[in-house]
Protein backbone atom coordinates (compact mmCIF):
# COMPACT_ATOMS: atom_id res chain seq x y z
CA UNK A 1 41.97 74.10 84.56
CA UNK A 2 45.66 73.50 83.98
CA UNK A 3 47.12 76.17 81.76
CA UNK A 4 48.22 75.46 78.19
CA UNK A 5 50.77 78.30 78.42
CA UNK A 6 53.89 78.54 80.61
CA UNK A 7 53.72 81.05 83.47
CA UNK A 8 56.45 83.37 82.10
CA UNK A 9 54.41 83.92 78.91
CA UNK A 10 51.41 85.13 80.95
CA UNK A 11 52.94 87.71 83.29
CA UNK A 12 54.59 90.97 82.21
CA UNK A 13 57.88 90.12 83.94
CA UNK A 14 61.02 88.43 82.69
CA UNK A 15 63.86 86.32 83.98
CA UNK A 16 64.37 86.24 87.73
CA UNK A 17 61.50 88.70 88.30
CA UNK A 18 58.97 85.95 87.52
CA UNK A 19 58.52 84.74 91.10
CA UNK A 20 55.59 82.34 90.69
CA UNK A 21 56.04 78.97 89.08
CA UNK A 22 54.38 75.94 87.59
CA UNK A 23 52.01 74.28 88.05
CA UNK A 24 49.43 76.99 87.70
CA UNK A 25 45.73 76.90 86.94
CA UNK A 26 42.92 79.34 86.26
CA UNK A 27 39.21 79.56 85.60
CA UNK A 28 36.73 82.37 84.91
CA UNK A 29 37.05 83.99 88.36
CA UNK A 30 40.23 82.61 89.98
CA UNK A 31 43.83 81.55 89.49
CA UNK A 32 46.36 79.54 91.46
CA UNK A 33 50.12 79.39 91.29
CA UNK A 34 52.91 78.06 93.44
CA UNK A 35 56.28 79.13 94.77
CA UNK A 36 58.96 76.83 96.15
CA UNK A 37 61.29 78.66 98.53
CA UNK A 38 64.88 77.84 97.68
CA UNK A 39 68.28 79.36 98.25
CA UNK A 40 68.00 80.75 94.72
CA UNK A 41 64.67 82.50 95.46
CA UNK A 42 64.78 86.23 94.91
CA UNK A 43 64.90 88.01 98.31
CA UNK A 44 66.12 84.82 100.08
CA UNK A 45 68.00 85.57 103.31
CA UNK A 46 70.30 82.71 104.40
CA UNK A 47 69.17 81.14 107.64
CA UNK A 48 65.80 82.91 107.47
CA UNK A 49 64.05 82.38 104.13
CA UNK A 50 62.06 84.85 102.06
CA UNK A 51 60.46 87.74 104.00
CA UNK A 52 56.71 87.33 104.21
CA UNK A 53 56.16 90.84 102.81
CA UNK A 54 57.21 89.35 99.44
CA UNK A 55 53.88 87.50 99.62
CA UNK A 56 52.18 90.63 98.30
CA UNK A 57 54.24 90.28 95.10
CA UNK A 58 53.40 86.56 94.88
CA UNK A 59 49.72 87.50 95.04
CA UNK A 60 50.17 90.36 92.54
CA UNK A 61 51.91 88.05 90.07
CA UNK A 62 49.15 85.46 90.45
CA UNK A 63 46.62 88.20 89.66
CA UNK A 64 48.76 89.07 86.61
CA UNK A 65 48.66 85.39 85.67
CA UNK A 66 44.85 85.47 85.91
CA UNK A 67 44.69 88.57 83.71
CA UNK A 68 47.20 87.08 81.27
CA UNK A 69 45.10 83.93 80.86
CA UNK A 70 42.03 86.06 80.09
CA UNK A 71 43.92 88.08 77.50
CA UNK A 72 45.40 84.96 75.86
CA UNK A 73 41.93 83.39 75.61
CA UNK A 74 40.75 86.58 73.87
CA UNK A 75 43.76 86.57 71.52
CA UNK A 76 45.14 89.82 72.96
CA UNK A 77 48.63 90.79 74.12
CA UNK A 78 49.64 90.67 77.79
CA UNK A 79 49.49 94.10 79.49
CA UNK A 80 51.25 95.57 82.48
CA UNK A 81 49.03 96.00 85.53
CA UNK A 82 49.47 97.86 88.78
CA UNK A 83 48.76 96.77 92.34
CA UNK A 84 47.16 99.89 93.80
CA UNK A 85 46.82 98.67 97.35
CA UNK A 86 46.22 95.89 99.80
CA UNK A 87 43.46 96.24 102.37
CA UNK A 88 44.72 93.60 104.74
CA UNK A 89 47.67 91.25 104.53
CA UNK A 90 48.30 89.10 107.57
CA UNK A 91 51.23 86.72 107.64
CA UNK A 92 51.60 84.11 110.35
CA UNK A 93 55.37 84.15 110.00
CA UNK A 94 58.02 86.78 109.31
CA UNK A 95 59.74 84.55 106.71
CA UNK A 96 58.71 81.77 104.35
CA UNK A 97 61.28 79.09 105.30
CA UNK A 98 63.63 77.25 102.97
CA UNK A 99 61.90 74.30 101.30
CA UNK A 100 58.37 75.64 101.73
CA UNK A 101 55.93 75.12 98.89
CA UNK A 102 53.51 78.03 98.85
CA UNK A 103 50.18 77.85 97.07
CA UNK A 104 48.76 81.22 96.03
CA UNK A 105 45.04 81.52 95.30
CA UNK A 106 43.42 84.69 93.93
CA UNK A 107 39.73 85.20 93.24
CA UNK A 108 38.20 88.18 91.49
CA UNK A 109 35.34 89.64 93.54
CA UNK A 110 34.64 92.91 91.69
CA UNK A 111 35.53 94.50 88.35
CA UNK A 112 34.81 97.62 86.32
CA UNK A 113 36.38 98.90 83.09
CA UNK A 114 39.78 99.69 84.62
CA UNK A 115 40.09 97.97 87.99
CA UNK A 116 39.39 94.73 89.80
CA UNK A 117 39.33 93.57 93.41
CA UNK A 118 40.65 90.17 94.48
CA UNK A 119 40.53 88.04 97.60
CA UNK A 120 43.89 86.31 97.95
CA UNK A 121 45.42 83.64 100.15
CA UNK A 122 48.83 82.02 100.52
CA UNK A 123 48.90 78.57 102.10
């Protein structure tokens, strides 16, 4: 489902710290967002691109997007979350090159009162 709210209103970041962009979509157990790598991308290194380790933040912000959508649907305020860890993150490249359009997909696989686990992919 395409979102009726802009991405910046769903994540607890502001200005240049909002790294994911439109279009974004979400459903009951997943969310997707995109990132276009440009010279103005935060962490961009000329001649290289954006380091692939930034992918963990792209995934974390897409999880925040997912949580933000849930809270908006319930009529509640957006809350700050915390990425506690990452079990396995494998990147096929050291940098996301200039001009790349990344698609980030996150899917909730487990939840309790305070925490959730997600499977994530960047393509």
